[in-house]
Protein backbone atom coordinates (compact mmCIF):
# COMPACT_ATOMS: atom_id res chain seq x y z
CA MET A 1 98.69 112.33 114.72
CA ARG A 2 100.64 110.97 117.69
CA GLU A 3 97.64 111.43 119.96
CA LEU A 4 95.89 108.75 117.93
CA TYR A 5 98.05 106.13 119.65
CA ALA A 6 97.34 107.47 123.14
CA HIS A 7 93.99 105.67 123.45
CA ALA A 8 92.95 102.03 123.04
CA ASP A 9 89.72 102.18 121.01
CA ALA A 10 90.23 100.80 117.48
CA ASP A 11 86.84 102.02 116.21
CA LEU A 12 87.51 105.55 117.42
CA ALA A 13 90.97 105.44 115.81
CA LEU A 14 89.48 104.35 112.49
CA GLU A 15 86.91 107.14 112.65
CA TRP A 16 89.56 109.70 113.58
CA VAL A 17 91.96 108.70 110.78
CA THR A 18 89.11 108.70 108.24
CA GLU A 19 87.99 112.18 109.31
CA LEU A 20 91.56 113.53 109.25
CA GLY A 21 92.19 112.02 105.81
CA ARG A 22 89.01 113.55 104.43
CA SER A 23 89.61 116.96 105.97
CA LEU A 24 93.10 117.07 104.45
CA GLN A 25 91.54 116.70 101.00
CA ASP A 26 90.44 120.36 101.11
CA PRO A 27 91.56 122.04 97.85
CA ASP A 28 92.81 125.04 99.87
CA TYR A 29 95.53 122.87 101.44
CA PRO A 30 98.92 122.43 99.75
CA ILE A 31 99.40 119.39 97.55
CA GLU A 32 101.60 117.72 100.20
CA ALA A 33 98.79 117.88 102.78
CA ARG A 34 96.31 116.46 100.28
CA SER A 35 98.76 113.67 99.49
CA LEU A 36 99.03 112.90 103.20
CA GLY A 37 95.24 112.78 103.39
CA ARG A 38 95.07 110.27 100.55
CA THR A 39 97.75 108.15 102.21
CA LEU A 40 95.90 108.18 105.52
CA LEU A 41 92.69 107.10 103.80
CA ARG A 42 94.49 104.30 101.96
CA TRP A 43 96.15 103.00 105.13
CA LYS A 44 93.41 103.77 107.66
CA LYS A 45 92.65 100.12 108.48
CA GLU A 46 96.31 99.32 109.00
CA ILE A 47 96.77 102.40 111.19
CA ALA A 48 93.72 101.53 113.29
CA ALA A 49 94.77 97.86 113.54
CA TRP A 50 97.57 98.84 115.90
CA HIS A 51 94.94 99.47 118.57
CA GLU A 52 93.88 95.83 118.49
CA ALA A 53 97.26 94.08 118.28
CA HIS A 54 99.67 96.73 119.69
CA VAL A 55 102.29 95.38 117.30
CA THR A 56 104.33 97.38 114.83
CA ASN A 57 106.89 96.41 112.22
CA GLY A 58 109.05 99.40 113.19
CA PRO A 59 111.89 97.31 114.67
CA THR A 60 111.99 95.12 111.55
CA GLU A 61 112.11 98.19 109.31
CA ALA A 62 114.90 99.63 111.46
CA VAL A 63 116.99 96.48 111.09
CA ASN A 64 116.40 96.41 107.32
CA ASN A 65 117.45 100.06 107.07
CA LEU A 66 120.57 99.34 109.12
CA ILE A 67 121.50 96.40 106.90
CA LYS A 68 121.09 98.51 103.75
CA ARG A 69 123.22 101.32 105.18
CA VAL A 70 125.95 98.87 106.16
CA LYS A 71 125.91 97.25 102.72
CA ARG A 72 126.40 100.65 101.10
CA ALA A 73 129.23 101.56 103.48
CA ALA A 74 130.85 98.13 103.27
CA PHE A 75 131.20 98.06 99.50
CA GLY A 76 134.08 95.77 98.71
CA PHE A 77 134.09 93.75 101.94
CA THR A 78 134.61 90.12 101.01
CA SER A 79 134.86 88.80 104.55
CA PHE A 80 131.62 88.02 106.36
CA ARG A 81 133.42 88.66 109.66
CA ASN A 82 134.29 92.24 108.61
CA TYR A 83 130.75 92.79 107.36
CA ARG A 84 129.35 91.54 110.68
CA ILE A 85 131.69 93.77 112.69
CA ARG A 86 130.65 96.77 110.62
CA SER A 87 126.98 95.87 111.20
CA LEU A 88 127.52 95.69 114.94
CA LEU A 89 129.28 99.04 114.93
CA TYR A 90 126.41 100.66 113.05
CA ALA A 91 123.89 99.10 115.45
CA GLY A 92 125.70 100.64 118.41
CA LYS A 93 126.95 99.13 121.67
CA PRO A 94 127.88 95.70 120.33
CA ASN A 95 128.54 92.84 122.72
CA TRP A 96 132.09 92.02 121.64
CA ASN A 97 132.12 88.88 123.81
CA LEU A 98 129.68 87.24 121.38
CA LEU A 99 131.73 88.03 118.29
CA ALA A 100 133.89 84.92 118.51
CA THR A 101 130.92 82.64 119.18
CA ILE A 102 129.21 83.04 115.81
CA THR A 103 130.63 81.64 112.61
CA PRO A 104 129.07 81.97 109.17
CA ARG A 105 127.85 78.85 107.37
């Protein structure tokens, strides 16, 4: 699947994803593989669209995941400052010099 992103042709990517999705529908494959095939067929245009724009929402999803993890770990924090510090710690390598420059509204 990773090799799909190694080339730049969107039409070829669409064809490849469609063929892979269809071949995974084989009844001899386990149900998980067939489910993956259905997912690939449902999302084939979105997968192939990367070849035209070269943009992904991966960083946004990573930040959202980080925020959710911090909220779970920070249960009970009432101070925005403490919540922000915890977020920076989870994100890794925070720039502590900027901490005093930002104040919540």
